[in-house]
């Protein structure tokens, strides 16, 4: 039963990061583009929406933060070995 739980946890995280991050990035693109304003579909002017621009930028920052954190997590043993700096001291070591 422990194997099944482990497999389901890995599957859940894989789906979350594998499909979730591109979805957040896509929503950020849509929010940022709609926040710019411009011409609508019927050639009517659409006013800029600063809140949507900020939401889009926040989505980009979140996706970038997750990517950088994942790379640092994967390379944490090498970073500790070469620099002696533990970037995740609050997490247990194996």
Protein backbone atom coordinates (compact mmCIF):
# COMPACT_ATOMS: atom_id res chain seq x y z
CA UNK A 1 0.00 0.00 0.00
CA UNK A 2 2.91 2.35 0.64
CA UNK A 3 4.05 1.90 -2.95
CA UNK A 4 0.65 2.87 -4.27
CA UNK A 5 0.58 6.00 -2.11
CA UNK A 6 4.06 6.96 -3.31
CA UNK A 7 3.10 6.43 -6.93
CA UNK A 8 -0.03 8.56 -6.51
CA UNK A 9 1.97 11.36 -4.84
CA UNK A 10 4.49 11.40 -7.70
CA UNK A 11 1.67 11.35 -10.24
CA UNK A 12 -0.09 14.25 -8.51
CA UNK A 13 3.04 16.40 -8.35
CA UNK A 14 3.87 15.53 -11.96
CA UNK A 15 0.43 16.61 -13.11
CA UNK A 16 0.54 19.76 -11.03
CA UNK A 17 3.94 20.88 -12.26
CA UNK A 18 3.75 19.28 -15.69
CA UNK A 19 0.39 20.73 -16.71
CA UNK A 20 -0.18 23.35 -14.06
CA UNK A 21 2.80 25.61 -14.72
CA UNK A 22 2.17 25.94 -18.46
CA UNK A 23 -1.48 26.66 -17.68
CA UNK A 24 -0.51 29.41 -15.20
CA UNK A 25 1.90 30.83 -17.79
CA UNK A 26 -0.84 30.81 -20.45
CA UNK A 27 -3.28 32.52 -18.10
CA UNK A 28 -0.59 35.10 -17.37
CA UNK A 29 -0.18 35.75 -21.09
CA UNK A 30 -3.92 36.21 -21.53
CA UNK A 31 -4.20 38.51 -18.50
CA UNK A 32 -1.22 40.61 -19.59
CA UNK A 33 -2.51 40.92 -23.16
CA UNK A 34 -5.98 41.94 -22.02
CA UNK A 35 -4.46 44.39 -19.58
CA UNK A 36 -2.71 46.19 -22.43
CA UNK A 37 -5.98 47.30 -23.97
CA UNK A 38 -6.01 48.17 -27.67
CA UNK A 39 -8.49 47.38 -30.43
CA UNK A 40 -11.36 45.04 -29.65
CA UNK A 41 -12.87 42.52 -32.04
CA UNK A 42 -15.30 45.07 -33.49
CA UNK A 43 -12.63 47.80 -33.90
CA UNK A 44 -13.77 49.51 -30.72
CA UNK A 45 -11.05 50.80 -28.44
CA UNK A 46 -10.57 48.79 -25.24
CA UNK A 47 -9.19 50.67 -22.25
CA UNK A 48 -6.06 49.33 -20.56
CA UNK A 49 -6.61 47.43 -17.33
CA UNK A 50 -3.62 47.79 -14.97
CA UNK A 51 -4.95 45.10 -12.61
CA UNK A 52 -4.82 42.49 -15.37
CA UNK A 53 -1.29 43.56 -16.31
CA UNK A 54 -0.19 43.13 -12.69
CA UNK A 55 -1.92 39.74 -12.52
CA UNK A 56 -0.10 38.64 -15.68
CA UNK A 57 3.26 39.78 -14.35
CA UNK A 58 2.56 38.02 -11.04
CA UNK A 59 1.86 34.79 -12.93
CA UNK A 60 5.17 35.13 -14.81
CA UNK A 61 7.06 35.79 -11.58
CA UNK A 62 5.43 32.76 -9.93
CA UNK A 63 6.35 30.44 -12.81
CA UNK A 64 9.92 31.77 -12.81
CA UNK A 65 10.19 31.31 -9.05
CA UNK A 66 9.01 27.70 -9.29
CA UNK A 67 11.52 26.94 -12.05
CA UNK A 68 14.45 28.51 -10.21
CA UNK A 69 13.50 26.76 -6.96
CA UNK A 70 13.23 23.41 -8.77
CA UNK A 71 16.68 23.81 -10.33
CA UNK A 72 18.19 24.76 -6.98
CA UNK A 73 16.44 21.79 -5.33
CA UNK A 74 17.80 19.38 -7.94
CA UNK A 75 21.33 20.73 -7.61
CA UNK A 76 21.30 21.24 -3.82
CA UNK A 77 23.87 18.48 -3.11
CA UNK A 78 26.31 19.96 -5.61
CA UNK A 79 25.78 23.47 -4.23
CA UNK A 80 26.39 22.25 -0.68
CA UNK A 81 29.49 20.32 -1.77
CA UNK A 82 31.11 23.21 -3.65
CA UNK A 83 30.04 26.21 -1.57
CA UNK A 84 28.97 24.83 1.80
CA UNK A 85 25.73 26.80 1.51
CA UNK A 86 22.53 24.91 2.30
CA UNK A 87 19.70 26.69 0.48
CA UNK A 88 17.05 24.48 2.10
CA UNK A 89 18.17 24.12 5.73
CA UNK A 90 14.62 23.59 6.97
CA UNK A 91 14.20 20.38 4.95
CA UNK A 92 15.64 17.04 6.10
CA UNK A 93 18.61 15.57 4.29
CA UNK A 94 18.67 11.98 3.12
